[in-house]
Amino acid sequence: MLDADFWGQAESLSVSQMAIRGAVIFWVGYLLLRIGGWKIFGKKSALDYVIIIVIGSVLSKIIIGDAAFFPATAACLTMVLFHRLISRLCARFNWLSHLLEGKPIPLYGDGQIYWKNLRASSISYQEFMQSLRLEMNTENLQTIESAMLESSGRISFIPKQNN
């Protein structure tokens, strides 16, 4: 099915051959996603971003003919399986998860902003307040119990409980 006449070669791809490559790689990408699990697009940890960028790059090279189909697909499958293995190990071993994905960083608690942690995380006060407005629909820090910079890069807010 993937002979040179049907599949084409990088220097002389026709529109139809490029379309065929695009359709085939769409399904290869979909299968890789199913093998890797939806987590790759869920949490968006550093590991997730690496796999998304690298696999996207390799698959695009197959479409334009800069990479051979079977070796490049095998490389993508290997990366997906490796990502899945690392994800499972991180789920089992907290220390590994903290090492590879990071720990949440407290940004606010006990009624005060932790300025040292904001600076260390390269988050400005304006960015912090913007996240508060977007996530909690308020500018009032008095309604917030705590705020954490998650390993995904998002700021999470825990509202105070009304007693």
N, C-alpha and C. Protein backbone atom coordinates (compact mmCIF):
# COMPACT_ATOMS: atom_id res chain seq x y z
N MET A 1 0.81 -1.20 0.00
CA MET A 1 0.00 0.00 0.00
C MET A 1 0.85 1.26 0.00
N LEU A 2 2.02 1.22 0.64
CA LEU A 2 2.81 2.42 0.78
C LEU A 2 3.99 2.45 -0.20
N ASP A 3 3.76 1.99 -1.44
CA ASP A 3 4.84 2.05 -2.41
C ASP A 3 5.04 3.49 -2.87
N ALA A 4 6.17 3.76 -3.50
CA ALA A 4 6.57 5.13 -3.85
C ALA A 4 5.59 5.80 -4.80
N ASP A 5 5.00 5.06 -5.74
CA ASP A 5 4.08 5.68 -6.69
C ASP A 5 2.81 6.18 -6.00
N PHE A 6 2.29 5.37 -5.11
CA PHE A 6 1.07 5.73 -4.40
C PHE A 6 1.36 6.79 -3.33
N TRP A 7 2.42 6.58 -2.55
CA TRP A 7 2.75 7.38 -1.37
C TRP A 7 3.52 8.64 -1.74
N GLY A 8 4.29 8.57 -2.80
CA GLY A 8 5.07 9.72 -3.26
C GLY A 8 6.39 9.84 -2.54
N GLN A 9 7.20 10.78 -3.02
CA GLN A 9 8.49 11.05 -2.40
C GLN A 9 8.59 12.54 -2.14
N ALA A 10 9.36 12.91 -1.15
CA ALA A 10 9.39 14.27 -0.62
C ALA A 10 9.53 15.35 -1.69
N GLU A 11 10.44 15.14 -2.63
CA GLU A 11 10.74 16.18 -3.62
C GLU A 11 9.61 16.41 -4.61
N SER A 12 8.77 15.41 -4.82
CA SER A 12 7.78 15.52 -5.89
C SER A 12 6.38 15.07 -5.45
N LEU A 13 5.96 15.48 -4.27
CA LEU A 13 4.63 15.09 -3.80
C LEU A 13 3.55 15.87 -4.55
N SER A 14 2.55 15.16 -5.00
CA SER A 14 1.40 15.82 -5.61
C SER A 14 0.41 16.19 -4.52
N VAL A 15 -0.59 16.96 -4.89
CA VAL A 15 -1.62 17.35 -3.94
C VAL A 15 -2.33 16.11 -3.40
N SER A 16 -2.66 15.18 -4.27
CA SER A 16 -3.38 13.98 -3.81
C SER A 16 -2.49 13.12 -2.90
N GLN A 17 -1.21 13.02 -3.19
CA GLN A 17 -0.33 12.25 -2.32
C GLN A 17 -0.19 12.91 -0.95
N MET A 18 -0.11 14.22 -0.93
CA MET A 18 -0.03 14.94 0.35
C MET A 18 -1.34 14.74 1.13
N ALA A 19 -2.46 14.75 0.43
CA ALA A 19 -3.76 14.53 1.09
C ALA A 19 -3.85 13.11 1.65
N ILE A 20 -3.36 12.14 0.89
CA ILE A 20 -3.36 10.75 1.36
C ILE A 20 -2.48 10.63 2.61
N ARG A 21 -1.30 11.23 2.54
CA ARG A 21 -0.40 11.22 3.71
C ARG A 21 -1.09 11.86 4.92
N GLY A 22 -1.75 12.98 4.70
CA GLY A 22 -2.44 13.66 5.79
C GLY A 22 -3.52 12.79 6.41
N ALA A 23 -4.30 12.12 5.56
CA ALA A 23 -5.38 11.25 6.06
C ALA A 23 -4.81 10.06 6.84
N VAL A 24 -3.76 9.44 6.32
CA VAL A 24 -3.15 8.30 7.00
C VAL A 24 -2.56 8.74 8.34
N ILE A 25 -1.87 9.86 8.35
CA ILE A 25 -1.23 10.33 9.59
C ILE A 25 -2.28 10.78 10.60
N PHE A 26 -3.41 11.29 10.14
CA PHE A 26 -4.50 11.61 11.06
C PHE A 26 -4.88 10.38 11.86
N TRP A 27 -5.07 9.25 11.16
CA TRP A 27 -5.48 8.02 11.83
C TRP A 27 -4.35 7.43 12.67
N VAL A 28 -3.11 7.56 12.20
CA VAL A 28 -1.97 7.11 13.00
C VAL A 28 -1.93 7.93 14.30
N GLY A 29 -2.09 9.24 14.19
CA GLY A 29 -2.11 10.10 15.38
C GLY A 29 -3.24 9.74 16.32
N TYR A 30 -4.40 9.46 15.76
CA TYR A 30 -5.54 9.06 16.59
C TYR A 30 -5.25 7.76 17.32
N LEU A 31 -4.69 6.78 16.63
CA LEU A 31 -4.35 5.50 17.26
C LEU A 31 -3.29 5.68 18.35
N LEU A 32 -2.30 6.54 18.08
CA LEU A 32 -1.29 6.81 19.10
C LEU A 32 -1.92 7.44 20.34
N LEU A 33 -2.86 8.33 20.11
CA LEU A 33 -3.57 8.96 21.23
C LEU A 33 -4.35 7.93 22.03
N ARG A 34 -5.02 7.03 21.34
CA ARG A 34 -5.79 5.98 22.04
C ARG A 34 -4.85 5.04 22.81
N ILE A 35 -3.69 4.73 22.24
CA ILE A 35 -2.72 3.88 22.93
C ILE A 35 -2.15 4.61 24.14
N GLY A 36 -1.83 5.88 23.96
CA GLY A 36 -1.23 6.67 25.03
C GLY A 36 -2.21 7.06 26.11
N GLY A 37 -3.47 7.12 25.78
CA GLY A 37 -4.48 7.52 26.75
C GLY A 37 -4.77 9.01 26.64
N TRP A 38 -5.97 9.38 27.03
CA TRP A 38 -6.40 10.78 26.91
C TRP A 38 -5.66 11.68 27.88
N LYS A 39 -4.96 11.11 28.86
CA LYS A 39 -4.22 11.90 29.83
C LYS A 39 -3.24 12.85 29.16
N ILE A 40 -2.71 12.44 28.02
CA ILE A 40 -1.73 13.27 27.32
C ILE A 40 -2.29 14.67 27.08
N PHE A 41 -3.60 14.77 26.82
CA PHE A 41 -4.20 16.08 26.56
C PHE A 41 -4.98 16.61 27.76
N GLY A 42 -4.93 15.89 28.87
CA GLY A 42 -5.73 16.30 30.02
C GLY A 42 -5.02 17.24 30.96
N LYS A 43 -4.08 16.72 31.71
CA LYS A 43 -3.46 17.47 32.79
C LYS A 43 -2.46 18.51 32.29
N LYS A 44 -1.82 18.26 31.20
CA LYS A 44 -0.83 19.15 30.62
C LYS A 44 0.36 19.39 31.54
N SER A 45 0.98 18.32 31.98
CA SER A 45 2.21 18.44 32.74
C SER A 45 3.36 18.66 31.75
N ALA A 46 4.55 18.88 32.28
CA ALA A 46 5.71 19.07 31.41
C ALA A 46 5.91 17.86 30.50
N LEU A 47 5.70 16.67 31.05
CA LEU A 47 5.84 15.45 30.24
C LEU A 47 4.83 15.42 29.10
N ASP A 48 3.61 15.88 29.38
CA ASP A 48 2.57 15.90 28.36
C ASP A 48 2.94 16.85 27.22
N TYR A 49 3.46 18.02 27.57
CA TYR A 49 3.86 18.98 26.54
C TYR A 49 4.98 18.43 25.67
N VAL A 50 5.95 17.77 26.29
CA VAL A 50 7.06 17.19 25.53
C VAL A 50 6.53 16.20 24.50
N ILE A 51 5.67 15.30 24.93
CA ILE A 51 5.18 14.26 24.02
C ILE A 51 4.33 14.87 22.91
N ILE A 52 3.51 15.87 23.23
CA ILE A 52 2.67 16.51 22.23
C ILE A 52 3.52 17.19 21.16
N ILE A 53 4.51 17.95 21.59
CA ILE A 53 5.35 18.70 20.65
C ILE A 53 6.19 17.76 19.78
N VAL A 54 6.85 16.81 20.41
CA VAL A 54 7.75 15.93 19.65
C VAL A 54 6.98 15.04 18.68
N ILE A 55 5.89 14.45 19.12
CA ILE A 55 5.12 13.59 18.23
C ILE A 55 4.50 14.40 17.09
N GLY A 56 4.00 15.58 17.40
CA GLY A 56 3.46 16.44 16.34
C GLY A 56 4.51 16.76 15.30
N SER A 57 5.71 17.03 15.76
CA SER A 57 6.81 17.33 14.83
C SER A 57 7.15 16.13 13.95
N VAL A 58 7.26 14.96 14.55
CA VAL A 58 7.62 13.76 13.79
C VAL A 58 6.52 13.41 12.79
N LEU A 59 5.26 13.46 13.23
CA LEU A 59 4.16 13.13 12.32
C LEU A 59 4.09 14.13 11.16
N SER A 60 4.36 15.39 11.43
CA SER A 60 4.33 16.38 10.34
C SER A 60 5.43 16.10 9.32
N LYS A 61 6.57 15.59 9.79
CA LYS A 61 7.66 15.25 8.86
C LYS A 61 7.26 14.08 7.95
N ILE A 62 6.44 13.17 8.46
CA ILE A 62 5.95 12.08 7.61
C ILE A 62 5.04 12.65 6.53
N ILE A 63 4.18 13.57 6.90
CA ILE A 63 3.24 14.14 5.93
C ILE A 63 3.97 14.83 4.79
N ILE A 64 5.00 15.60 5.11
CA ILE A 64 5.70 16.34 4.05
C ILE A 64 6.81 15.54 3.40
N GLY A 65 7.01 14.31 3.87
CA GLY A 65 7.97 13.42 3.22
C GLY A 65 9.40 13.54 3.71
N ASP A 66 9.62 14.23 4.83
CA ASP A 66 10.98 14.36 5.37
C ASP A 66 11.39 13.19 6.25
N ALA A 67 10.44 12.31 6.58
CA ALA A 67 10.75 11.14 7.40
C ALA A 67 10.05 9.92 6.80
N ALA A 68 10.72 8.79 6.88
CA ALA A 68 10.14 7.54 6.38
C ALA A 68 8.99 7.12 7.29
N PHE A 69 7.92 6.60 6.67
CA PHE A 69 6.70 6.29 7.40
C PHE A 69 6.91 5.32 8.56
N PHE A 70 7.42 4.12 8.29
CA PHE A 70 7.48 3.09 9.33
C PHE A 70 8.49 3.42 10.44
N PRO A 71 9.70 3.86 10.13
CA PRO A 71 10.61 4.21 11.23
C PRO A 71 10.10 5.37 12.09
N ALA A 72 9.52 6.39 11.45
CA ALA A 72 9.02 7.54 12.21
C ALA A 72 7.80 7.16 13.05
N THR A 73 6.93 6.32 12.49
CA THR A 73 5.77 5.85 13.25
C THR A 73 6.22 4.99 14.44
N ALA A 74 7.23 4.15 14.23
CA ALA A 74 7.77 3.33 15.32
C ALA A 74 8.37 4.22 16.41
N ALA A 75 9.03 5.30 16.01
CA ALA A 75 9.59 6.23 16.99
C ALA A 75 8.48 6.89 17.80
N CYS A 76 7.39 7.28 17.13
CA CYS A 76 6.25 7.88 17.83
C CYS A 76 5.62 6.89 18.79
N LEU A 77 5.42 5.67 18.35
CA LEU A 77 4.84 4.64 19.22
C LEU A 77 5.73 4.40 20.44
N THR A 78 7.03 4.36 20.24
CA THR A 78 7.96 4.18 21.35
C THR A 78 7.82 5.33 22.35
N MET A 79 7.74 6.56 21.86
CA MET A 79 7.59 7.72 22.75
C MET A 79 6.27 7.67 23.52
N VAL A 80 5.19 7.28 22.85
CA VAL A 80 3.89 7.19 23.51
C VAL A 80 3.93 6.12 24.60
N LEU A 81 4.51 4.97 24.31
CA LEU A 81 4.59 3.91 25.31
C LEU A 81 5.50 4.31 26.47
N PHE A 82 6.57 5.02 26.16
CA PHE A 82 7.47 5.51 27.21
C PHE A 82 6.75 6.53 28.08
N HIS A 83 5.99 7.43 27.47
CA HIS A 83 5.20 8.41 28.22
C HIS A 83 4.20 7.72 29.13
N ARG A 84 3.56 6.69 28.59
CA ARG A 84 2.58 5.95 29.39
C ARG A 84 3.24 5.26 30.59
N LEU A 85 4.41 4.68 30.37
CA LEU A 85 5.16 4.04 31.45
C LEU A 85 5.55 5.07 32.52
N ILE A 86 6.07 6.20 32.10
CA ILE A 86 6.46 7.24 33.06
C ILE A 86 5.24 7.73 33.83
N SER A 87 4.12 7.92 33.14
CA SER A 87 2.89 8.37 33.80
C SER A 87 2.43 7.37 34.86
N ARG A 88 2.50 6.10 34.54
CA ARG A 88 2.11 5.07 35.51
C ARG A 88 3.05 5.04 36.70
N LEU A 89 4.34 5.19 36.43
CA LEU A 89 5.31 5.22 37.53
C LEU A 89 5.09 6.44 38.41
N CYS A 90 4.78 7.59 37.79
CA CYS A 90 4.50 8.80 38.56
C CYS A 90 3.25 8.64 39.41
N ALA A 91 2.26 7.93 38.90
CA ALA A 91 1.03 7.69 39.67
C ALA A 91 1.31 6.77 40.86
N ARG A 92 2.26 5.89 40.71
CA ARG A 92 2.58 4.93 41.77
C ARG A 92 3.55 5.49 42.80
N PHE A 93 4.51 6.31 42.35
CA PHE A 93 5.56 6.82 43.23
C PHE A 93 5.50 8.34 43.29
N ASN A 94 5.04 8.86 44.42
CA ASN A 94 4.93 10.31 44.60
C ASN A 94 6.25 11.03 44.39
N TRP A 95 7.33 10.45 44.89
CA TRP A 95 8.63 11.10 44.77
C TRP A 95 9.02 11.30 43.31
N LEU A 96 8.68 10.34 42.46
CA LEU A 96 8.99 10.45 41.04
C LEU A 96 8.11 11.51 40.38
N SER A 97 6.84 11.52 40.77
CA SER A 97 5.92 12.54 40.26
C SER A 97 6.41 13.94 40.62
N HIS A 98 6.82 14.11 41.86
CA HIS A 98 7.33 15.42 42.29
C HIS A 98 8.62 15.79 41.56
N LEU A 99 9.46 14.79 41.32
CA LEU A 99 10.72 15.04 40.61
C LEU A 99 10.48 15.45 39.17
N LEU A 100 9.60 14.73 38.47
CA LEU A 100 9.39 14.97 37.04
C LEU A 100 8.33 16.02 36.74
N GLU A 101 7.29 16.09 37.54
CA GLU A 101 6.18 17.00 37.25
C GLU A 101 6.13 18.21 38.17
N GLY A 102 6.82 18.14 39.30
CA GLY A 102 6.85 19.25 40.23
C GLY A 102 5.76 19.15 41.29
N LYS A 103 5.91 19.99 42.32
CA LYS A 103 4.95 20.05 43.42
C LYS A 103 4.15 21.35 43.30
N PRO A 104 2.94 21.36 43.85
CA PRO A 104 2.21 22.62 43.92
C PRO A 104 2.96 23.60 44.83
N ILE A 105 2.90 24.88 44.46
CA ILE A 105 3.59 25.92 45.23
C ILE A 105 2.53 26.83 45.83
N PRO A 106 2.52 26.99 47.17
CA PRO A 106 1.53 27.88 47.78
C PRO A 106 1.82 29.34 47.44
N LEU A 107 0.77 30.04 47.00
CA LEU A 107 0.90 31.46 46.65
C LEU A 107 0.14 32.36 47.61
N TYR A 108 -0.85 31.79 48.27
CA TYR A 108 -1.67 32.58 49.19
C TYR A 108 -2.23 31.66 50.26
N GLY A 109 -2.26 32.15 51.48
CA GLY A 109 -2.85 31.41 52.59
C GLY A 109 -2.75 32.21 53.87
N ASP A 110 -3.54 31.87 54.84
CA ASP A 110 -3.55 32.57 56.13
C ASP A 110 -3.74 34.08 55.95
N GLY A 111 -4.47 34.47 54.90
CA GLY A 111 -4.77 35.87 54.67
C GLY A 111 -3.63 36.69 54.09
N GLN A 112 -2.59 36.02 53.60
CA GLN A 112 -1.47 36.78 53.03
C GLN A 112 -0.95 36.17 51.73
N ILE A 113 -0.42 37.03 50.90
CA ILE A 113 0.21 36.59 49.66
C ILE A 113 1.65 36.19 49.98
N TYR A 114 2.08 35.08 49.46
CA TYR A 114 3.45 34.62 49.66
C TYR A 114 4.32 35.19 48.53
N TRP A 115 4.81 36.40 48.77
CA TRP A 115 5.53 37.16 47.75
C TRP A 115 6.78 36.42 47.26
N LYS A 116 7.47 35.77 48.16
CA LYS A 116 8.69 35.03 47.78
C LYS A 116 8.36 33.94 46.76
N ASN A 117 7.26 33.22 46.98
CA ASN A 117 6.85 32.17 46.04
C ASN A 117 6.36 32.74 44.71
N LEU A 118 5.68 33.90 44.77
CA LEU A 118 5.27 34.55 43.51
C LEU A 118 6.50 34.90 42.68
N ARG A 119 7.50 35.53 43.33
CA ARG A 119 8.72 35.91 42.60
C ARG A 119 9.45 34.69 42.07
N ALA A 120 9.58 33.65 42.91
CA ALA A 120 10.29 32.44 42.50
C ALA A 120 9.59 31.75 41.32
N SER A 121 8.27 31.93 41.23
CA SER A 121 7.47 31.33 40.15
C SER A 121 7.31 32.25 38.95
N SER A 122 7.92 33.43 39.02
CA SER A 122 7.82 34.44 37.96
C SER A 122 6.37 34.83 37.67
N ILE A 123 5.59 34.98 38.73
CA ILE A 123 4.20 35.40 38.60
C ILE A 123 4.07 36.79 39.21
N SER A 124 3.57 37.72 38.44
CA SER A 124 3.36 39.07 38.96
C SER A 124 2.07 39.13 39.76
N TYR A 125 1.95 40.16 40.56
CA TYR A 125 0.72 40.36 41.32
C TYR A 125 -0.46 40.51 40.36
N GLN A 126 -0.25 41.20 39.23
CA GLN A 126 -1.31 41.38 38.24
C GLN A 126 -1.76 40.05 37.66
N GLU A 127 -0.82 39.16 37.37
CA GLU A 127 -1.18 37.83 36.86
C GLU A 127 -1.94 37.03 37.90
N PHE A 128 -1.50 37.12 39.15
CA PHE A 128 -2.18 36.43 40.24
C PHE A 128 -3.62 36.89 40.37
N MET A 129 -3.80 38.21 40.35
CA MET A 129 -5.15 38.76 40.48
C MET A 129 -6.01 38.45 39.26
N GLN A 130 -5.40 38.43 38.08
CA GLN A 130 -6.14 38.06 36.87
C GLN A 130 -6.66 36.63 36.99
N SER A 131 -5.82 35.73 37.48
CA SER A 131 -6.26 34.35 37.68
C SER A 131 -7.40 34.28 38.69
N LEU A 132 -7.31 35.08 39.75
CA LEU A 132 -8.37 35.12 40.75
C LEU A 132 -9.69 35.56 40.11
N ARG A 133 -9.62 36.59 39.30
CA ARG A 133 -10.84 37.07 38.63
C ARG A 133 -11.40 36.03 37.66
N LEU A 134 -10.53 35.42 36.89
CA LEU A 134 -10.98 34.45 35.88
C LEU A 134 -11.49 33.16 36.51
N GLU A 135 -10.83 32.69 37.55
CA GLU A 135 -11.21 31.41 38.17
C GLU A 135 -12.35 31.54 39.17
N MET A 136 -12.36 32.65 39.93
CA MET A 136 -13.31 32.76 41.04
C MET A 136 -14.33 33.90 40.87
N ASN A 137 -14.20 34.66 39.79
CA ASN A 137 -15.10 35.78 39.53
C ASN A 137 -15.15 36.78 40.69
N THR A 138 -13.99 37.05 41.25
CA THR A 138 -13.90 38.01 42.34
C THR A 138 -12.51 38.64 42.35
N GLU A 139 -12.42 39.79 42.99
CA GLU A 139 -11.12 40.41 43.25
C GLU A 139 -10.85 40.45 44.75
N ASN A 140 -11.72 39.84 45.52
CA ASN A 140 -11.64 39.89 46.97
C ASN A 140 -10.88 38.68 47.51
N LEU A 141 -9.64 38.90 47.93
CA LEU A 141 -8.84 37.81 48.47
C LEU A 141 -9.38 37.31 49.81
N GLN A 142 -10.22 38.11 50.46
CA GLN A 142 -10.77 37.70 51.76
C GLN A 142 -11.71 36.50 51.64
N THR A 143 -12.17 36.22 50.42
CA THR A 143 -13.06 35.08 50.22
C THR A 143 -12.29 33.79 49.89
N ILE A 144 -10.96 33.90 49.86
CA ILE A 144 -10.11 32.78 49.44
C ILE A 144 -9.36 32.22 50.65
N GLU A 145 -9.43 30.91 50.80
CA GLU A 145 -8.68 30.22 51.85
C GLU A 145 -7.21 30.08 51.44
N SER A 146 -6.98 29.60 50.22
CA SER A 146 -5.61 29.40 49.75
C SER A 146 -5.56 29.42 48.22
N ALA A 147 -4.36 29.62 47.71
CA ALA A 147 -4.10 29.58 46.27
C ALA A 147 -2.80 28.83 46.05
N MET A 148 -2.79 27.98 45.04
CA MET A 148 -1.60 27.17 44.74
C MET A 148 -1.28 27.26 43.25
N LEU A 149 0.00 27.35 42.95
CA LEU A 149 0.45 27.20 41.57
C LEU A 149 0.63 25.71 41.34
N GLU A 150 -0.20 25.15 40.48
CA GLU A 150 -0.18 23.71 40.22
C GLU A 150 0.94 23.37 39.25
N SER A 151 1.31 22.10 39.19
CA SER A 151 2.39 21.67 38.30
C SER A 151 2.03 21.88 36.83
N SER A 152 0.75 22.04 36.54
CA SER A 152 0.31 22.31 35.17
C SER A 152 0.53 23.76 34.77
N GLY A 153 0.85 24.62 35.76
CA GLY A 153 1.04 26.04 35.49
C GLY A 153 -0.18 26.89 35.83
N ARG A 154 -1.29 26.25 36.15
CA ARG A 154 -2.51 26.98 36.52
C ARG A 154 -2.49 27.29 38.00
N ILE A 155 -3.18 28.36 38.35
CA ILE A 155 -3.35 28.71 39.75
C ILE A 155 -4.72 28.23 40.19
N SER A 156 -4.73 27.44 41.26
CA SER A 156 -6.00 26.96 41.81
C SER A 156 -6.31 27.74 43.09
N PHE A 157 -7.59 28.01 43.30
CA PHE A 157 -8.05 28.77 44.47
C PHE A 157 -9.03 27.92 45.25
N ILE A 158 -8.87 27.90 46.56
CA ILE A 158 -9.79 27.22 47.45
C ILE A 158 -10.59 28.31 48.19
N PRO A 159 -11.91 28.36 47.98
CA PRO A 159 -12.69 29.39 48.67
C PRO A 159 -12.84 29.07 50.16
N LYS A 160 -13.01 30.12 50.95
CA LYS A 160 -13.29 29.92 52.38
C LYS A 160 -14.65 29.29 52.54
N GLN A 161 -14.75 28.43 53.55
CA GLN A 161 -16.04 27.81 53.88
C GLN A 161 -16.80 28.74 54.82
N ASN A 162 -18.05 28.99 54.53
CA ASN A 162 -18.87 29.81 55.40
C ASN A 162 -19.39 28.96 56.55
N ASN A 163 -19.05 29.35 57.75
CA ASN A 163 -19.49 28.59 58.94
C ASN A 163 -20.71 29.21 59.54
